[in-house]
Amino acid sequence: MKPQVMFKRARLFPLFAIVAFWLSILSGVIAAAGQSVVTPRADYADVAAIMKPFIERQMAEKQLQALSIAVVDDQTITWASGFGLADRTTKTPATADTVYRIGSVSKLFTDIGVMQLVERGELRLDNPITNYLPGFQP
């Protein structure tokens, strides 16, 4: 792999770590039947090799129960895996297809989207919500 490509991907590791961290702290874990792992695509083998021990260290340090990660390149899953236990009672391992409850984290994404619209001038926080959602009845 070319050094420039590895450097570019190495800069993405913090993003992967943040996504993996947030997925792991969501409230509750529900195991789902499915594919347990998507073997890393050849050009992402180095990424997976670096990420696996990093994820395992972070899980141990933060005492995380389970984590699932998927690396996507142009709409194609290049690597996906689960770490830890989706259910400690039954010792069901987390897989690439483990479903996590989102809890309150979706509010953060909604807030970010709203504020991006405000920054672009497409939405004003001072306006009544019915200006944007006419059918909404508070």
N, C-alpha and C. Protein backbone atom coordinates (compact mmCIF):
# COMPACT_ATOMS: atom_id res chain seq x y z
N MET A 1 0.85 -1.17 0.00
CA MET A 1 0.00 0.00 0.00
C MET A 1 0.89 1.23 0.00
N LYS A 2 0.52 2.24 -0.77
CA LYS A 2 1.30 3.46 -0.88
C LYS A 2 1.28 4.21 0.45
N PRO A 3 2.42 4.85 0.82
CA PRO A 3 2.45 5.60 2.08
C PRO A 3 1.40 6.70 2.16
N GLN A 4 1.11 7.35 1.02
CA GLN A 4 0.12 8.43 1.03
C GLN A 4 -1.26 7.89 1.40
N VAL A 5 -1.59 6.72 0.88
CA VAL A 5 -2.89 6.11 1.17
C VAL A 5 -2.96 5.71 2.64
N MET A 6 -1.87 5.12 3.15
CA MET A 6 -1.85 4.73 4.57
C MET A 6 -1.98 5.96 5.46
N PHE A 7 -1.28 7.07 5.11
CA PHE A 7 -1.38 8.28 5.91
C PHE A 7 -2.80 8.81 5.90
N LYS A 8 -3.42 8.82 4.72
CA LYS A 8 -4.80 9.32 4.61
C LYS A 8 -5.73 8.47 5.48
N ARG A 9 -5.57 7.18 5.44
CA ARG A 9 -6.42 6.29 6.24
C ARG A 9 -6.10 6.43 7.72
N ALA A 10 -4.83 6.65 8.04
CA ALA A 10 -4.44 6.80 9.45
C ALA A 10 -5.12 8.01 10.06
N ARG A 11 -5.33 9.06 9.27
CA ARG A 11 -6.01 10.25 9.77
C ARG A 11 -7.47 9.95 10.08
N LEU A 12 -8.03 8.89 9.50
CA LEU A 12 -9.42 8.54 9.75
C LEU A 12 -9.60 7.72 11.02
N PHE A 13 -8.52 7.19 11.60
CA PHE A 13 -8.64 6.36 12.79
C PHE A 13 -9.38 7.04 13.93
N PRO A 14 -9.09 8.34 14.21
CA PRO A 14 -9.85 8.98 15.29
C PRO A 14 -11.35 8.97 15.02
N LEU A 15 -11.75 9.17 13.76
CA LEU A 15 -13.17 9.13 13.41
C LEU A 15 -13.74 7.75 13.68
N PHE A 16 -13.03 6.70 13.26
CA PHE A 16 -13.49 5.34 13.52
C PHE A 16 -13.63 5.11 15.01
N ALA A 17 -12.65 5.60 15.77
CA ALA A 17 -12.66 5.41 17.22
C ALA A 17 -13.85 6.10 17.86
N ILE A 18 -14.15 7.30 17.40
CA ILE A 18 -15.28 8.04 17.95
C ILE A 18 -16.59 7.32 17.66
N VAL A 19 -16.75 6.88 16.40
CA VAL A 19 -17.97 6.16 16.02
C VAL A 19 -18.09 4.88 16.85
N ALA A 20 -17.00 4.15 16.96
CA ALA A 20 -17.04 2.91 17.72
C ALA A 20 -17.35 3.17 19.19
N PHE A 21 -16.75 4.21 19.74
CA PHE A 21 -17.00 4.56 21.14
C PHE A 21 -18.47 4.87 21.36
N TRP A 22 -19.07 5.73 20.51
CA TRP A 22 -20.47 6.09 20.70
C TRP A 22 -21.39 4.89 20.53
N LEU A 23 -21.08 4.02 19.58
CA LEU A 23 -21.90 2.83 19.42
C LEU A 23 -21.87 1.97 20.68
N SER A 24 -20.72 1.94 21.33
CA SER A 24 -20.59 1.06 22.48
C SER A 24 -21.28 1.59 23.74
N ILE A 25 -21.46 2.90 23.85
CA ILE A 25 -22.07 3.42 25.08
C ILE A 25 -23.56 3.64 24.96
N LEU A 26 -24.13 3.31 23.85
CA LEU A 26 -25.57 3.47 23.70
C LEU A 26 -26.29 2.58 24.70
N SER A 27 -27.46 3.01 25.11
CA SER A 27 -28.16 2.28 26.16
C SER A 27 -28.66 0.94 25.66
N GLY A 28 -28.24 -0.12 26.31
CA GLY A 28 -28.72 -1.46 26.01
C GLY A 28 -28.13 -2.05 24.75
N VAL A 29 -28.10 -3.35 24.72
CA VAL A 29 -27.58 -4.06 23.57
C VAL A 29 -28.53 -5.21 23.27
N ILE A 30 -28.89 -5.35 22.00
CA ILE A 30 -29.75 -6.46 21.60
C ILE A 30 -29.00 -7.26 20.54
N ALA A 31 -28.86 -8.54 20.75
CA ALA A 31 -28.16 -9.35 19.77
C ALA A 31 -29.10 -9.66 18.61
N ALA A 32 -28.55 -9.63 17.42
CA ALA A 32 -29.32 -9.96 16.23
C ALA A 32 -28.61 -11.09 15.50
N ALA A 33 -29.38 -12.00 14.96
CA ALA A 33 -28.79 -13.07 14.18
C ALA A 33 -28.25 -12.48 12.89
N GLY A 34 -27.16 -13.05 12.40
CA GLY A 34 -26.65 -12.55 11.13
C GLY A 34 -25.19 -12.87 10.97
N GLN A 35 -24.59 -12.19 10.02
CA GLN A 35 -23.20 -12.40 9.69
C GLN A 35 -22.33 -11.89 10.82
N SER A 36 -21.42 -12.73 11.30
CA SER A 36 -20.63 -12.34 12.45
C SER A 36 -19.47 -11.43 12.08
N VAL A 37 -18.97 -11.51 10.86
CA VAL A 37 -17.81 -10.72 10.47
C VAL A 37 -17.79 -10.54 8.97
N VAL A 38 -17.35 -9.39 8.51
CA VAL A 38 -17.06 -9.18 7.10
C VAL A 38 -15.54 -9.08 7.03
N THR A 39 -14.91 -10.07 6.45
CA THR A 39 -13.45 -10.12 6.37
C THR A 39 -12.94 -8.87 5.65
N PRO A 40 -11.87 -8.27 6.17
CA PRO A 40 -11.38 -7.03 5.55
C PRO A 40 -11.02 -7.23 4.09
N ARG A 41 -11.47 -6.28 3.28
CA ARG A 41 -11.08 -6.26 1.87
C ARG A 41 -9.56 -6.07 1.84
N ALA A 42 -8.91 -6.61 0.84
CA ALA A 42 -7.43 -6.60 0.78
C ALA A 42 -6.84 -5.22 1.02
N ASP A 43 -7.41 -4.19 0.41
CA ASP A 43 -6.84 -2.85 0.56
C ASP A 43 -7.17 -2.22 1.91
N TYR A 44 -7.97 -2.89 2.74
CA TYR A 44 -8.28 -2.41 4.08
C TYR A 44 -7.76 -3.36 5.17
N ALA A 45 -6.99 -4.34 4.79
CA ALA A 45 -6.46 -5.29 5.76
C ALA A 45 -5.59 -4.60 6.81
N ASP A 46 -4.79 -3.61 6.37
CA ASP A 46 -3.94 -2.88 7.31
C ASP A 46 -4.79 -2.07 8.29
N VAL A 47 -5.86 -1.49 7.80
CA VAL A 47 -6.75 -0.71 8.67
C VAL A 47 -7.34 -1.62 9.75
N ALA A 48 -7.85 -2.77 9.34
CA ALA A 48 -8.44 -3.70 10.31
C ALA A 48 -7.39 -4.20 11.29
N ALA A 49 -6.18 -4.48 10.79
CA ALA A 49 -5.12 -4.98 11.66
C ALA A 49 -4.74 -3.95 12.73
N ILE A 50 -4.80 -2.68 12.39
CA ILE A 50 -4.48 -1.63 13.36
C ILE A 50 -5.67 -1.37 14.29
N MET A 51 -6.87 -1.41 13.74
CA MET A 51 -8.05 -1.08 14.52
C MET A 51 -8.42 -2.14 15.55
N LYS A 52 -8.25 -3.41 15.23
CA LYS A 52 -8.65 -4.48 16.15
C LYS A 52 -8.00 -4.33 17.53
N PRO A 53 -6.67 -4.25 17.62
CA PRO A 53 -6.08 -4.12 18.96
C PRO A 53 -6.44 -2.78 19.63
N PHE A 54 -6.59 -1.72 18.82
CA PHE A 54 -6.99 -0.43 19.37
C PHE A 54 -8.37 -0.54 20.02
N ILE A 55 -9.30 -1.15 19.31
CA ILE A 55 -10.66 -1.32 19.83
C ILE A 55 -10.65 -2.17 21.09
N GLU A 56 -9.91 -3.26 21.05
CA GLU A 56 -9.84 -4.14 22.22
C GLU A 56 -9.26 -3.42 23.43
N ARG A 57 -8.22 -2.60 23.23
CA ARG A 57 -7.65 -1.81 24.33
C ARG A 57 -8.66 -0.81 24.88
N GLN A 58 -9.34 -0.10 23.98
CA GLN A 58 -10.32 0.89 24.40
C GLN A 58 -11.47 0.24 25.17
N MET A 59 -11.91 -0.91 24.71
CA MET A 59 -12.99 -1.61 25.40
C MET A 59 -12.56 -2.01 26.81
N ALA A 60 -11.33 -2.52 26.93
CA ALA A 60 -10.83 -2.93 28.24
C ALA A 60 -10.68 -1.72 29.17
N GLU A 61 -10.09 -0.64 28.65
CA GLU A 61 -9.87 0.56 29.47
C GLU A 61 -11.18 1.19 29.92
N LYS A 62 -12.17 1.19 29.05
CA LYS A 62 -13.45 1.85 29.35
C LYS A 62 -14.51 0.89 29.85
N GLN A 63 -14.13 -0.38 30.02
CA GLN A 63 -15.03 -1.43 30.49
C GLN A 63 -16.32 -1.47 29.68
N LEU A 64 -16.15 -1.50 28.36
CA LEU A 64 -17.30 -1.54 27.46
C LEU A 64 -17.74 -2.98 27.24
N GLN A 65 -19.04 -3.18 27.21
CA GLN A 65 -19.60 -4.52 27.05
C GLN A 65 -19.48 -5.02 25.62
N ALA A 66 -19.86 -4.20 24.66
CA ALA A 66 -19.89 -4.65 23.28
C ALA A 66 -19.69 -3.48 22.34
N LEU A 67 -19.23 -3.81 21.15
CA LEU A 67 -19.01 -2.79 20.14
C LEU A 67 -19.05 -3.47 18.78
N SER A 68 -19.66 -2.82 17.82
CA SER A 68 -19.65 -3.30 16.45
C SER A 68 -19.16 -2.17 15.57
N ILE A 69 -18.40 -2.52 14.56
CA ILE A 69 -17.84 -1.51 13.67
C ILE A 69 -18.00 -1.97 12.22
N ALA A 70 -18.22 -1.00 11.36
CA ALA A 70 -18.24 -1.25 9.92
C ALA A 70 -17.47 -0.12 9.26
N VAL A 71 -16.55 -0.48 8.40
CA VAL A 71 -15.80 0.50 7.62
C VAL A 71 -16.38 0.46 6.21
N VAL A 72 -16.82 1.61 5.73
CA VAL A 72 -17.50 1.69 4.44
C VAL A 72 -16.68 2.57 3.51
N ASP A 73 -16.51 2.11 2.28
CA ASP A 73 -15.84 2.89 1.25
C ASP A 73 -16.73 2.89 0.02
N ASP A 74 -17.27 4.06 -0.32
CA ASP A 74 -18.12 4.22 -1.49
C ASP A 74 -19.27 3.21 -1.53
N GLN A 75 -20.03 3.17 -0.43
CA GLN A 75 -21.22 2.33 -0.31
C GLN A 75 -20.93 0.84 -0.20
N THR A 76 -19.65 0.47 -0.02
CA THR A 76 -19.28 -0.93 0.12
C THR A 76 -18.66 -1.16 1.48
N ILE A 77 -19.16 -2.15 2.20
CA ILE A 77 -18.57 -2.50 3.49
C ILE A 77 -17.25 -3.19 3.22
N THR A 78 -16.16 -2.57 3.69
CA THR A 78 -14.83 -3.12 3.46
C THR A 78 -14.35 -3.98 4.63
N TRP A 79 -14.95 -3.77 5.78
CA TRP A 79 -14.65 -4.58 6.96
C TRP A 79 -15.74 -4.34 7.99
N ALA A 80 -16.18 -5.38 8.64
CA ALA A 80 -17.16 -5.24 9.73
C ALA A 80 -16.91 -6.36 10.73
N SER A 81 -17.06 -6.01 12.00
CA SER A 81 -16.81 -6.99 13.04
C SER A 81 -17.49 -6.57 14.33
N GLY A 82 -17.67 -7.52 15.20
CA GLY A 82 -18.19 -7.26 16.53
C GLY A 82 -17.15 -7.60 17.57
N PHE A 83 -17.20 -6.92 18.69
CA PHE A 83 -16.26 -7.15 19.79
C PHE A 83 -17.05 -7.24 21.08
N GLY A 84 -16.61 -8.09 21.99
CA GLY A 84 -17.27 -8.20 23.28
C GLY A 84 -18.53 -9.06 23.23
N LEU A 85 -19.37 -8.89 24.26
CA LEU A 85 -20.57 -9.70 24.38
C LEU A 85 -21.83 -8.84 24.22
N ALA A 86 -22.67 -9.23 23.29
CA ALA A 86 -23.94 -8.54 23.10
C ALA A 86 -24.86 -8.81 24.29
N ASP A 87 -24.74 -9.98 24.87
CA ASP A 87 -25.55 -10.34 26.04
C ASP A 87 -24.65 -11.13 27.00
N ARG A 88 -24.33 -10.53 28.12
CA ARG A 88 -23.44 -11.19 29.09
C ARG A 88 -24.09 -12.41 29.71
N THR A 89 -25.40 -12.36 29.91
CA THR A 89 -26.10 -13.47 30.55
C THR A 89 -25.98 -14.74 29.73
N THR A 90 -26.25 -14.64 28.44
CA THR A 90 -26.20 -15.81 27.56
C THR A 90 -24.84 -15.97 26.89
N LYS A 91 -23.93 -15.03 27.17
CA LYS A 91 -22.59 -15.02 26.56
C LYS A 91 -22.65 -14.98 25.03
N THR A 92 -23.64 -14.26 24.51
CA THR A 92 -23.79 -14.10 23.07
C THR A 92 -22.80 -13.04 22.58
N PRO A 93 -21.90 -13.42 21.68
CA PRO A 93 -20.92 -12.44 21.21
C PRO A 93 -21.55 -11.36 20.34
N ALA A 94 -20.98 -10.18 20.39
CA ALA A 94 -21.39 -9.11 19.48
C ALA A 94 -20.87 -9.46 18.09
N THR A 95 -21.66 -9.15 17.09
CA THR A 95 -21.26 -9.42 15.71
C THR A 95 -21.37 -8.14 14.90
N ALA A 96 -21.04 -8.25 13.63
CA ALA A 96 -21.20 -7.11 12.73
C ALA A 96 -22.66 -6.74 12.60
N ASP A 97 -23.56 -7.66 12.88
CA ASP A 97 -24.99 -7.42 12.74
C ASP A 97 -25.72 -7.21 14.07
N THR A 98 -24.97 -7.05 15.16
CA THR A 98 -25.61 -6.78 16.43
C THR A 98 -26.34 -5.45 16.35
N VAL A 99 -27.57 -5.42 16.85
CA VAL A 99 -28.38 -4.21 16.83
C VAL A 99 -28.28 -3.55 18.20
N TYR A 100 -27.99 -2.25 18.19
CA TYR A 100 -27.88 -1.49 19.43
C TYR A 100 -29.03 -0.50 19.51
N ARG A 101 -29.58 -0.33 20.70
CA ARG A 101 -30.59 0.71 20.89
C ARG A 101 -29.90 2.06 20.82
N ILE A 102 -30.55 3.02 20.21
CA ILE A 102 -29.88 4.30 20.03
C ILE A 102 -30.02 5.22 21.23
N GLY A 103 -30.95 4.95 22.11
CA GLY A 103 -31.10 5.80 23.29
C GLY A 103 -31.31 7.25 22.90
N SER A 104 -30.64 8.15 23.57
CA SER A 104 -30.83 9.57 23.33
C SER A 104 -29.79 10.15 22.37
N VAL A 105 -28.91 9.34 21.84
CA VAL A 105 -27.85 9.87 20.99
C VAL A 105 -28.39 10.46 19.68
N SER A 106 -29.58 10.03 19.24
CA SER A 106 -30.12 10.57 17.99
C SER A 106 -30.46 12.05 18.11
N LYS A 107 -30.70 12.52 19.33
CA LYS A 107 -30.97 13.94 19.53
C LYS A 107 -29.77 14.77 19.11
N LEU A 108 -28.58 14.28 19.38
CA LEU A 108 -27.36 14.99 19.01
C LEU A 108 -27.29 15.17 17.50
N PHE A 109 -27.60 14.12 16.74
CA PHE A 109 -27.54 14.22 15.28
C PHE A 109 -28.60 15.17 14.75
N THR A 110 -29.78 15.15 15.36
CA THR A 110 -30.83 16.08 14.97
C THR A 110 -30.39 17.51 15.24
N ASP A 111 -29.81 17.75 16.41
CA ASP A 111 -29.33 19.09 16.76
C ASP A 111 -28.28 19.58 15.77
N ILE A 112 -27.35 18.72 15.43
CA ILE A 112 -26.30 19.10 14.48
C ILE A 112 -26.91 19.46 13.13
N GLY A 113 -27.86 18.65 12.66
CA GLY A 113 -28.53 18.93 11.39
C GLY A 113 -29.26 20.25 11.42
N VAL A 114 -29.97 20.53 12.50
CA VAL A 114 -30.71 21.80 12.62
C VAL A 114 -29.74 22.97 12.61
N MET A 115 -28.65 22.87 13.36
CA MET A 115 -27.70 23.97 13.43
C MET A 115 -26.99 24.19 12.10
N GLN A 116 -26.78 23.13 11.32
CA GLN A 116 -26.20 23.29 9.98
C GLN A 116 -27.17 24.06 9.08
N LEU A 117 -28.46 23.79 9.21
CA LEU A 117 -29.46 24.54 8.44
C LEU A 117 -29.48 26.00 8.87
N VAL A 118 -29.32 26.26 10.16
CA VAL A 118 -29.26 27.64 10.66
C VAL A 118 -28.05 28.35 10.06
N GLU A 119 -26.89 27.69 10.09
CA GLU A 119 -25.68 28.29 9.54
C GLU A 119 -25.81 28.62 8.05
N ARG A 120 -26.55 27.80 7.32
CA ARG A 120 -26.75 28.04 5.88
C ARG A 120 -27.86 29.04 5.62
N GLY A 121 -28.53 29.48 6.67
CA GLY A 121 -29.61 30.45 6.51
C GLY A 121 -30.91 29.85 6.03
N GLU A 122 -31.04 28.53 6.10
CA GLU A 122 -32.25 27.86 5.63
C GLU A 122 -33.29 27.69 6.73
N LEU A 123 -32.91 28.00 7.96
CA LEU A 123 -33.81 27.84 9.09
C LEU A 123 -33.43 28.89 10.14
N ARG A 124 -34.45 29.44 10.79
CA ARG A 124 -34.22 30.40 11.88
C ARG A 124 -34.78 29.81 13.16
N LEU A 125 -33.97 29.82 14.20
CA LEU A 125 -34.39 29.25 15.48
C LEU A 125 -35.52 30.03 16.13
N ASP A 126 -35.64 31.32 15.78
CA ASP A 126 -36.68 32.16 16.38
C ASP A 126 -38.06 31.95 15.75
N ASN A 127 -38.11 31.34 14.58
CA ASN A 127 -39.39 31.12 13.90
C ASN A 127 -40.18 30.01 14.58
N PRO A 128 -41.52 30.10 14.54
CA PRO A 128 -42.34 29.00 15.06
C PRO A 128 -42.08 27.73 14.25
N ILE A 129 -42.10 26.61 14.91
CA ILE A 129 -41.84 25.34 14.22
C ILE A 129 -42.88 25.07 13.13
N THR A 130 -44.09 25.63 13.30
CA THR A 130 -45.15 25.41 12.31
C THR A 130 -44.80 26.07 10.97
N ASN A 131 -43.83 26.98 10.94
CA ASN A 131 -43.37 27.53 9.66
C ASN A 131 -42.72 26.44 8.81
N TYR A 132 -42.12 25.46 9.46
CA TYR A 132 -41.40 24.39 8.77
C TYR A 132 -42.19 23.08 8.74
N LEU A 133 -43.02 22.89 9.75
CA LEU A 133 -43.87 21.69 9.85
C LEU A 133 -45.31 22.14 10.07
N PRO A 134 -45.99 22.53 8.99
CA PRO A 134 -47.34 23.11 9.15
C PRO A 134 -48.35 22.21 9.87
N GLY A 135 -48.19 20.92 9.75
CA GLY A 135 -49.13 19.99 10.39
C GLY A 135 -48.82 19.71 11.85
N PHE A 136 -47.73 20.24 12.36
CA PHE A 136 -47.32 19.98 13.74
C PHE A 136 -48.24 20.71 14.71
N GLN A 137 -48.74 19.98 15.69
CA GLN A 137 -49.59 20.54 16.73
C GLN A 137 -48.90 20.39 18.08
N PRO A 138 -48.29 21.48 18.61
CA PRO A 138 -47.58 21.36 19.90
C PRO A 138 -48.52 21.07 21.05
